[in-house]
Amino acid sequence: MAKRTFVTCFACILFIGLSSAQKTETLVENGVQVIRNAKDPVPKKGTILKLTMTEDLRIGEAVTSEESSFARLTFVCIDAEENIIALDGKDMCLKIFDKNGRFVRRFGRRGQGPDEIQTPVGMMLSGGKDIVILDSGNNRLAFYSMDGVCIKRVSLKKLQPYTPVMDGRGNFYCCALEFADKVTLKLFKFDQEFNLASTVSSLDMPKENEIPPPELMEQFVFQIGEKDSLVWGINSRYELNFTAVDGRLYKKVHRAAVPERVTRDLLVQEMKKRIPSRPIPDSMKVPSFYPKHFPFFSSLICDDEGQIFVRTLEGFGSGHARYDVFDANGIYIARFDCPENEEIVAVKKAKVYSRIRENEAGIPVIKRYRIEWN
């Protein structure tokens, strides 16, 4: 567990303002508010903003016991009291730490019994406190209290959903494949008992023999925003949609971004990272069915102030990940870089929580940073 304060800061995290010639355009199209942002951010109040992220907590590296380390850091959630909940996908257990990083308790184990976990594909919080595991192996949603008691179980009804999120009213949003004459990826909304409420959107999937790597796949990216709205987009275009609880699309946010081109050099670089010993023939080319460009973004996080942090694929393969920040009105206000192996999983109470599946020593780590805007 972490017993000391870290003072690591992200350097060179500078938020660059636009020249006066570049503007953000706001209009209404068919009753929907549309915000068109330029390529670069517009700082608030006409100033240049600098963000300082100071690391103040780290869990996983300073191993003092089995409880304070992870075999595989699969999911991380932060509750209303700033407790940190981690799901270890190898040991198949939940570990809870208080806001100071002190270990509180561990529960759960692999299995098919009433209180056991088989194949978790998502973890959420119900009402900001109860833990919800989407367990596809046991075909159910399992609700746990913070002390490890299984409150209830809800059947998935033979559906195989993944990447779930849950709003404050108990509604679930998740993706699932639908097989018919063609394979379709759908973004669904379900009620508290996992009854289908609506289909938000759908995507046609590529043919079985023309599937590109996951990094290049067209897919849905989504999170719960203010007032239980669904903030979602399709990663092949830089557009965020805002859907109210009643299903009404009320806002769209665009950014004039230029996607990274898919090149042989980038593909070779990624292949060498994953399998260094694998030989790569000189004749290797980018397959014709691959998209010409990388997706615009891979994930998004909505904080408790209505801001949205979008992880882009700008500079793919450069060793860093770039995040765009939009304010509660959808204005593109800032951008910053963080290490490529760190994935932001939550932003709450002016703190950023990140997950590192493996650091340089191959150890899974949770980090927390304090945010300061200057």
Protein backbone atom coordinates (compact mmCIF):
# COMPACT_ATOMS: atom_id res chain seq x y z
CA MET A 1 0.00 0.00 0.00
CA ALA A 2 1.11 3.58 -0.48
CA LYS A 3 2.31 5.26 2.74
CA ARG A 4 4.27 8.13 1.30
CA THR A 5 3.42 11.17 -0.78
CA PHE A 6 4.76 11.35 -4.32
CA VAL A 7 5.71 14.65 -5.87
CA THR A 8 6.05 13.63 -9.49
CA CYS A 9 4.64 16.24 -11.84
CA PHE A 10 3.85 16.01 -15.51
CA ALA A 11 6.15 18.51 -17.14
CA CYS A 12 5.45 20.22 -20.46
CA ILE A 13 1.70 19.98 -19.95
CA LEU A 14 0.88 23.27 -21.61
CA PHE A 15 -2.52 24.27 -22.85
CA ILE A 16 -2.19 26.36 -25.94
CA GLY A 17 -4.72 29.00 -26.91
CA LEU A 18 -5.87 29.83 -30.40
CA SER A 19 -5.14 32.98 -32.30
CA SER A 20 -8.05 35.39 -32.48
CA ALA A 21 -8.67 34.31 -36.07
CA GLN A 22 -9.79 30.86 -34.98
CA LYS A 23 -13.13 30.53 -33.26
CA THR A 24 -15.57 28.05 -31.79
CA GLU A 25 -18.89 28.04 -33.64
CA THR A 26 -22.17 27.28 -31.87
CA LEU A 27 -25.39 26.76 -33.81
CA VAL A 28 -28.63 24.78 -33.78
CA GLU A 29 -29.38 22.10 -36.39
CA ASN A 30 -32.78 20.36 -36.35
CA GLY A 31 -33.29 21.31 -32.72
CA VAL A 32 -29.87 20.00 -31.66
CA GLN A 33 -27.17 22.32 -30.34
CA VAL A 34 -23.98 21.88 -32.35
CA ILE A 35 -20.57 23.08 -31.15
CA ARG A 36 -17.86 23.13 -33.78
CA ASN A 37 -14.42 23.47 -32.23
CA ALA A 38 -11.28 24.39 -34.15
CA LYS A 39 -8.19 22.19 -34.32
CA ASP A 40 -6.55 23.82 -31.28
CA PRO A 41 -8.08 24.58 -27.86
CA VAL A 42 -9.62 27.89 -26.86
CA PRO A 43 -8.56 28.80 -23.31
CA LYS A 44 -11.07 30.12 -20.85
CA LYS A 45 -11.24 33.90 -20.42
CA GLY A 46 -8.76 34.43 -23.22
CA THR A 47 -5.76 33.22 -21.22
CA ILE A 48 -3.18 30.50 -21.74
CA LEU A 49 -3.79 27.72 -19.26
CA LYS A 50 -1.17 25.53 -17.69
CA LEU A 51 -2.14 22.34 -15.95
CA THR A 52 -0.03 20.80 -13.25
CA MET A 53 -0.70 17.18 -12.32
CA THR A 54 1.16 16.23 -9.15
CA GLU A 55 1.26 12.58 -8.22
CA ASP A 56 0.22 12.06 -4.60
CA LEU A 57 -0.65 8.35 -4.43
CA ARG A 58 0.58 5.10 -5.89
CA ILE A 59 -0.76 1.61 -5.18
CA GLY A 60 0.91 -1.59 -6.35
CA GLU A 61 4.63 -0.82 -6.52
CA ALA A 62 5.55 -0.52 -2.84
CA VAL A 63 4.60 -4.12 -2.13
CA THR A 64 4.38 -4.78 1.59
CA SER A 65 1.85 -7.60 1.38
CA GLU A 66 -0.22 -9.56 -1.12
CA GLU A 67 -3.16 -7.24 -0.43
CA SER A 68 -1.30 -4.18 -1.72
CA SER A 69 -0.31 -5.65 -5.10
CA PHE A 70 -2.10 -6.90 -8.20
CA ALA A 71 -1.57 -9.88 -10.46
CA ARG A 72 -3.65 -8.28 -13.24
CA LEU A 73 -5.24 -4.84 -12.89
CA THR A 74 -8.42 -5.29 -14.93
CA PHE A 75 -10.82 -2.56 -13.72
CA VAL A 76 -10.63 0.41 -11.34
CA CYS A 77 -13.50 2.49 -9.92
CA ILE A 78 -13.62 5.40 -7.46
CA ASP A 79 -16.66 5.72 -5.17
CA ALA A 80 -18.29 8.83 -3.68
CA GLU A 81 -16.00 8.67 -0.63
CA GLU A 82 -12.88 8.45 -2.84
CA ASN A 83 -12.32 4.81 -1.96
CA ILE A 84 -10.45 2.96 -4.72
CA ILE A 85 -11.91 -0.35 -5.90
CA ALA A 86 -9.74 -2.60 -8.06
CA LEU A 87 -10.66 -5.85 -9.75
CA ASP A 88 -7.77 -8.29 -10.12
CA GLY A 89 -8.65 -10.30 -13.21
CA LYS A 90 -6.11 -13.06 -12.53
CA ASP A 91 -6.76 -13.72 -8.85
CA MET A 92 -10.43 -12.89 -9.60
CA CYS A 93 -10.95 -10.78 -6.50
CA LEU A 94 -11.84 -7.23 -5.53
CA LYS A 95 -9.47 -5.12 -3.46
CA ILE A 96 -10.62 -1.94 -1.76
CA PHE A 97 -8.37 0.89 -0.57
CA ASP A 98 -9.34 4.07 1.27
CA LYS A 99 -8.60 7.54 -0.12
CA ASN A 100 -5.16 7.47 1.52
CA GLY A 101 -4.25 4.23 -0.25
CA ARG A 102 -4.58 2.02 2.82
CA PHE A 103 -5.83 -1.49 2.15
CA VAL A 104 -9.35 -2.03 3.54
CA ARG A 105 -10.53 -5.45 2.43
CA ARG A 106 -10.49 -8.13 -0.22
CA PHE A 107 -13.31 -10.40 -1.38
CA GLY A 108 -14.36 -12.58 -4.29
CA ARG A 109 -12.87 -15.60 -6.00
CA ARG A 110 -13.04 -17.44 -9.31
CA GLY A 111 -15.99 -19.76 -9.81
CA GLN A 112 -19.60 -20.23 -10.81
CA GLY A 113 -21.14 -20.11 -7.36
CA PRO A 114 -23.61 -17.46 -6.13
CA ASP A 115 -20.88 -15.08 -4.89
CA GLU A 116 -18.11 -16.01 -7.34
CA ILE A 117 -16.77 -14.36 -10.50
CA GLN A 118 -15.96 -16.15 -13.75
CA THR A 119 -15.31 -13.75 -16.67
CA PRO A 120 -15.66 -10.05 -15.74
CA VAL A 121 -16.02 -7.72 -18.73
CA GLY A 122 -17.00 -4.58 -16.83
CA MET A 123 -17.19 -2.99 -13.40
CA MET A 124 -19.39 -0.05 -12.36
CA LEU A 125 -20.76 1.64 -9.26
CA SER A 126 -24.47 1.79 -8.47
CA GLY A 127 -25.46 4.96 -6.67
CA GLY A 128 -21.81 5.83 -6.28
CA LYS A 129 -21.25 3.06 -3.71
CA ASP A 130 -22.39 -0.49 -4.57
CA ILE A 131 -20.08 -2.44 -6.88
CA VAL A 132 -21.58 -3.98 -10.04
CA ILE A 133 -19.69 -6.67 -11.97
CA LEU A 134 -20.74 -7.63 -15.48
CA ASP A 135 -19.77 -11.31 -15.48
CA SER A 136 -20.23 -12.80 -18.93
CA GLY A 137 -18.89 -16.19 -17.79
CA ASN A 138 -21.74 -16.50 -15.28
CA ASN A 139 -24.19 -14.65 -17.56
CA ARG A 140 -25.15 -12.10 -14.92
CA LEU A 141 -24.77 -8.74 -13.30
CA ALA A 142 -23.68 -9.16 -9.69
CA PHE A 143 -24.21 -6.34 -7.15
CA TYR A 144 -21.92 -6.21 -4.10
CA SER A 145 -21.85 -3.93 -1.08
CA MET A 146 -18.51 -2.42 -0.11
CA ASP A 147 -18.12 -5.05 2.62
CA GLY A 148 -18.35 -7.87 0.06
CA VAL A 149 -21.97 -8.99 0.50
CA CYS A 150 -23.71 -9.99 -2.74
CA ILE A 151 -26.87 -7.88 -2.78
CA LYS A 152 -28.50 -9.24 -5.93
CA ARG A 153 -27.88 -10.91 -9.26
CA VAL A 154 -29.52 -10.06 -12.60
CA SER A 155 -29.46 -12.38 -15.61
CA LEU A 156 -27.97 -11.11 -18.87
CA LYS A 157 -30.63 -13.12 -20.74
CA LYS A 158 -28.18 -14.83 -23.13
CA LEU A 159 -26.81 -11.53 -24.41
CA GLN A 160 -23.02 -11.06 -24.44
CA PRO A 161 -22.59 -7.34 -23.67
CA TYR A 162 -19.33 -5.57 -22.88
CA THR A 163 -17.90 -2.13 -21.94
CA PRO A 164 -20.89 -1.31 -19.68
CA VAL A 165 -21.60 2.00 -17.95
CA MET A 166 -24.40 2.74 -15.50
CA ASP A 167 -26.23 6.00 -14.85
CA GLY A 168 -27.53 7.27 -11.51
CA ARG A 169 -30.99 5.84 -12.17
CA GLY A 170 -29.79 2.27 -12.62
CA ASN A 171 -29.93 2.21 -16.44
CA PHE A 172 -27.16 0.31 -18.23
CA TYR A 173 -25.52 1.18 -21.54
CA CYS A 174 -23.28 -1.37 -23.25
CA CYS A 175 -22.22 -2.78 -26.61
CA ALA A 176 -23.08 -6.19 -28.02
CA LEU A 177 -22.78 -7.92 -31.38
CA GLU A 178 -25.92 -8.93 -33.25
CA PHE A 179 -25.65 -11.75 -35.79
CA ALA A 180 -28.05 -11.89 -38.75
CA ASP A 181 -27.38 -11.56 -42.49
CA LYS A 182 -24.45 -9.41 -41.40
CA VAL A 183 -22.73 -8.76 -38.08
CA THR A 184 -23.74 -5.51 -36.42
CA LEU A 185 -22.29 -3.82 -33.35
CA LYS A 186 -25.02 -2.10 -31.35
CA LEU A 187 -25.02 0.37 -28.49
CA PHE A 188 -27.92 -0.62 -26.22
CA LYS A 189 -29.71 0.86 -23.24
CA PHE A 190 -31.13 -1.51 -20.61
CA ASP A 191 -33.22 -0.88 -17.50
CA GLN A 192 -32.32 -1.99 -13.95
CA GLU A 193 -33.45 -5.58 -14.59
CA PHE A 194 -31.52 -5.70 -17.85
CA ASN A 195 -34.58 -5.45 -20.05
CA LEU A 196 -33.85 -3.78 -23.38
CA ALA A 197 -35.04 -0.17 -23.31
CA SER A 198 -33.68 1.13 -26.64
CA THR A 199 -30.97 0.91 -29.27
CA VAL A 200 -28.90 4.09 -29.29
CA SER A 201 -26.93 3.39 -32.48
CA SER A 202 -25.44 0.61 -34.59
CA LEU A 203 -22.37 -0.12 -36.75
CA ASP A 204 -21.85 -2.67 -39.50
CA MET A 205 -18.83 -4.83 -38.69
CA PRO A 206 -16.23 -5.90 -41.28
CA LYS A 207 -16.26 -9.32 -42.91
CA GLU A 208 -14.70 -12.14 -40.93
CA ASN A 209 -11.60 -12.27 -43.15
CA GLU A 210 -11.17 -8.47 -43.22
CA ILE A 211 -10.93 -7.59 -39.53
CA PRO A 212 -8.17 -5.06 -38.73
CA PRO A 213 -6.31 -4.94 -35.39
CA PRO A 214 -8.31 -3.63 -32.39
CA GLU A 215 -6.50 -0.25 -32.53
CA LEU A 216 -7.96 0.36 -36.00
CA MET A 217 -11.46 -0.99 -35.45
CA GLU A 218 -14.44 1.32 -35.76
CA GLN A 219 -16.32 1.18 -32.46
CA PHE A 220 -18.42 3.04 -29.93
CA VAL A 221 -16.84 5.05 -27.12
CA PHE A 222 -19.17 6.26 -24.36
CA GLN A 223 -19.56 7.39 -20.76
CA ILE A 224 -22.19 8.85 -18.42
CA GLY A 225 -22.16 12.65 -18.30
CA GLU A 226 -24.05 15.36 -16.45
CA LYS A 227 -27.66 14.70 -15.39
CA ASP A 228 -27.34 11.03 -16.38
CA SER A 229 -26.84 11.90 -20.03
CA LEU A 230 -25.01 9.49 -22.31
CA VAL A 231 -21.95 11.02 -23.97
CA TRP A 232 -20.98 8.84 -26.92
CA GLY A 233 -19.25 8.79 -30.24
CA ILE A 234 -17.98 6.59 -33.05
CA ASN A 235 -14.21 6.74 -33.00
CA SER A 236 -13.83 7.05 -36.78
CA ARG A 237 -15.07 10.65 -36.64
CA TYR A 238 -14.45 13.35 -34.05
CA GLU A 239 -18.00 13.93 -32.92
CA LEU A 240 -19.42 13.53 -29.40
CA ASN A 241 -23.18 13.03 -29.03
CA PHE A 242 -25.15 13.92 -25.91
CA THR A 243 -28.32 11.89 -25.33
CA ALA A 244 -30.71 12.64 -22.46
CA VAL A 245 -32.24 9.92 -20.27
CA ASP A 246 -35.41 10.06 -22.37
CA GLY A 247 -33.39 9.19 -25.49
CA ARG A 248 -33.42 12.71 -26.96
CA LEU A 249 -30.24 13.83 -28.75
CA TYR A 250 -29.73 17.39 -27.56
CA LYS A 251 -26.11 18.30 -28.31
CA LYS A 252 -23.22 17.44 -30.62
CA VAL A 253 -19.61 18.48 -30.13
CA HIS A 254 -17.11 18.44 -33.01
CA ARG A 255 -13.38 19.09 -33.17
CA ALA A 256 -11.54 19.85 -36.42
CA ALA A 257 -8.88 17.16 -35.96
CA VAL A 258 -6.61 15.53 -38.53
CA PRO A 259 -6.32 11.74 -38.08
CA GLU A 260 -3.01 9.89 -38.00
CA ARG A 261 -2.31 7.96 -41.19
CA VAL A 262 -1.79 4.20 -40.94
CA THR A 263 1.69 3.42 -42.27
CA ARG A 264 3.84 0.33 -42.52
CA ASP A 265 6.43 1.88 -40.19
CA LEU A 266 3.86 2.35 -37.40
CA LEU A 267 2.54 -1.19 -37.82
CA VAL A 268 6.06 -2.63 -37.68
CA GLN A 269 6.81 -0.54 -34.59
CA GLU A 270 3.75 -1.92 -32.78
CA MET A 271 4.49 -5.51 -33.84
CA LYS A 272 8.03 -5.23 -32.45
CA LYS A 273 6.67 -3.93 -29.14
CA ARG A 274 4.36 -6.91 -28.75
CA ILE A 275 6.56 -9.71 -30.09
CA PRO A 276 10.16 -8.44 -30.25
CA SER A 277 11.50 -11.79 -31.46
CA ARG A 278 9.09 -12.11 -34.36
CA PRO A 279 10.75 -11.51 -37.76
CA ILE A 280 9.02 -9.03 -40.04
CA PRO A 281 9.48 -9.58 -43.79
CA ASP A 282 10.55 -6.64 -45.93
CA SER A 283 7.65 -7.40 -48.25
CA MET A 284 5.05 -6.75 -45.55
CA LYS A 285 2.55 -4.07 -46.55
CA VAL A 286 -0.48 -2.46 -44.96
CA PRO A 287 -3.40 -4.77 -45.92
CA SER A 288 -5.85 -3.17 -48.33
CA PHE A 289 -8.83 -3.68 -46.00
CA TYR A 290 -7.20 -1.71 -43.16
CA PRO A 291 -8.57 1.81 -42.73
CA LYS A 292 -6.34 4.55 -44.15
CA HIS A 293 -6.28 6.43 -40.85
CA PHE A 294 -6.27 5.65 -37.15
CA PRO A 295 -9.48 6.38 -35.19
CA PHE A 296 -9.64 9.84 -33.65
CA PHE A 297 -10.00 8.64 -30.05
CA SER A 298 -10.05 5.49 -27.92
CA SER A 299 -11.75 6.45 -24.64
CA LEU A 300 -13.39 9.30 -22.78
CA ILE A 301 -13.91 10.22 -19.13
CA CYS A 302 -16.55 12.60 -17.74
CA ASP A 303 -15.60 14.30 -14.48
CA ASP A 304 -17.83 15.58 -11.66
CA GLU A 305 -17.76 19.14 -13.04
CA GLY A 306 -19.09 18.27 -16.49
CA GLN A 307 -15.70 18.33 -18.21
CA ILE A 308 -14.83 15.61 -20.71
CA PHE A 309 -11.36 14.10 -21.13
CA VAL A 310 -10.91 12.42 -24.52
CA ARG A 311 -7.93 10.13 -25.12
CA THR A 312 -6.93 10.68 -28.74
CA LEU A 313 -4.67 8.69 -31.04
CA GLU A 314 -2.64 11.72 -32.10
CA GLY A 315 1.03 10.79 -32.25
CA PHE A 316 0.29 7.08 -32.11
CA GLY A 317 3.45 5.14 -31.31
CA SER A 318 5.29 8.20 -29.93
CA GLY A 319 5.37 6.91 -26.34
CA HIS A 320 2.79 9.33 -25.03
CA ALA A 321 -0.99 9.64 -25.08
CA ARG A 322 -2.71 12.94 -25.78
CA TYR A 323 -5.92 13.99 -24.06
CA ASP A 324 -8.31 16.70 -25.22
CA VAL A 325 -10.36 18.49 -22.56
CA PHE A 326 -13.83 19.93 -23.21
CA ASP A 327 -15.70 22.04 -20.67
CA ALA A 328 -19.31 21.46 -19.60
CA ASN A 329 -20.52 23.50 -22.60
CA GLY A 330 -18.59 21.41 -25.11
CA ILE A 331 -15.84 23.99 -25.73
CA TYR A 332 -12.40 22.56 -26.46
CA ILE A 333 -10.34 24.28 -23.75
CA ALA A 334 -7.14 22.28 -23.31
CA ARG A 335 -4.95 19.33 -24.22
CA PHE A 336 -2.17 17.49 -22.44
CA ASP A 337 0.12 14.51 -22.79
CA CYS A 338 0.68 11.64 -20.37
CA PRO A 339 2.78 8.46 -20.58
CA GLU A 340 1.36 6.03 -23.13
CA ASN A 341 1.10 3.19 -20.61
CA GLU A 342 -1.10 5.23 -18.26
CA GLU A 343 -4.84 5.15 -18.87
CA ILE A 344 -7.03 7.68 -17.06
CA VAL A 345 -9.95 5.81 -15.47
CA ALA A 346 -11.59 8.58 -13.40
CA VAL A 347 -11.43 12.31 -12.70
CA LYS A 348 -13.09 13.33 -9.42
CA LYS A 349 -12.71 16.17 -6.93
CA ALA A 350 -9.79 17.67 -8.87
CA LYS A 351 -7.93 14.35 -8.89
CA VAL A 352 -6.96 12.16 -11.83
CA TYR A 353 -6.78 8.38 -11.35
CA SER A 354 -4.82 6.31 -13.84
CA ARG A 355 -4.27 2.60 -14.38
CA ILE A 356 -0.97 1.15 -15.52
CA ARG A 357 -1.47 -2.43 -16.63
CA GLU A 358 2.31 -2.95 -16.45
CA ASN A 359 5.05 -0.47 -15.56
CA GLU A 360 8.69 -0.80 -16.68
CA ALA A 361 9.14 -3.64 -14.17
CA GLY A 362 6.00 -5.44 -15.38
CA ILE A 363 3.99 -4.48 -12.27
CA PRO A 364 0.35 -3.26 -12.39
CA VAL A 365 -0.04 0.13 -10.66
CA ILE A 366 -2.77 2.63 -9.76
CA LYS A 367 -1.72 6.29 -9.66
CA ARG A 368 -3.51 9.41 -8.47
CA TYR A 369 -2.64 12.99 -9.38
CA ARG A 370 -3.83 16.31 -7.98
CA ILE A 371 -4.92 18.78 -10.65
CA GLU A 372 -4.10 22.48 -10.51
CA TRP A 373 -5.14 24.95 -13.21
CA ASN A 374 -2.99 28.10 -13.42
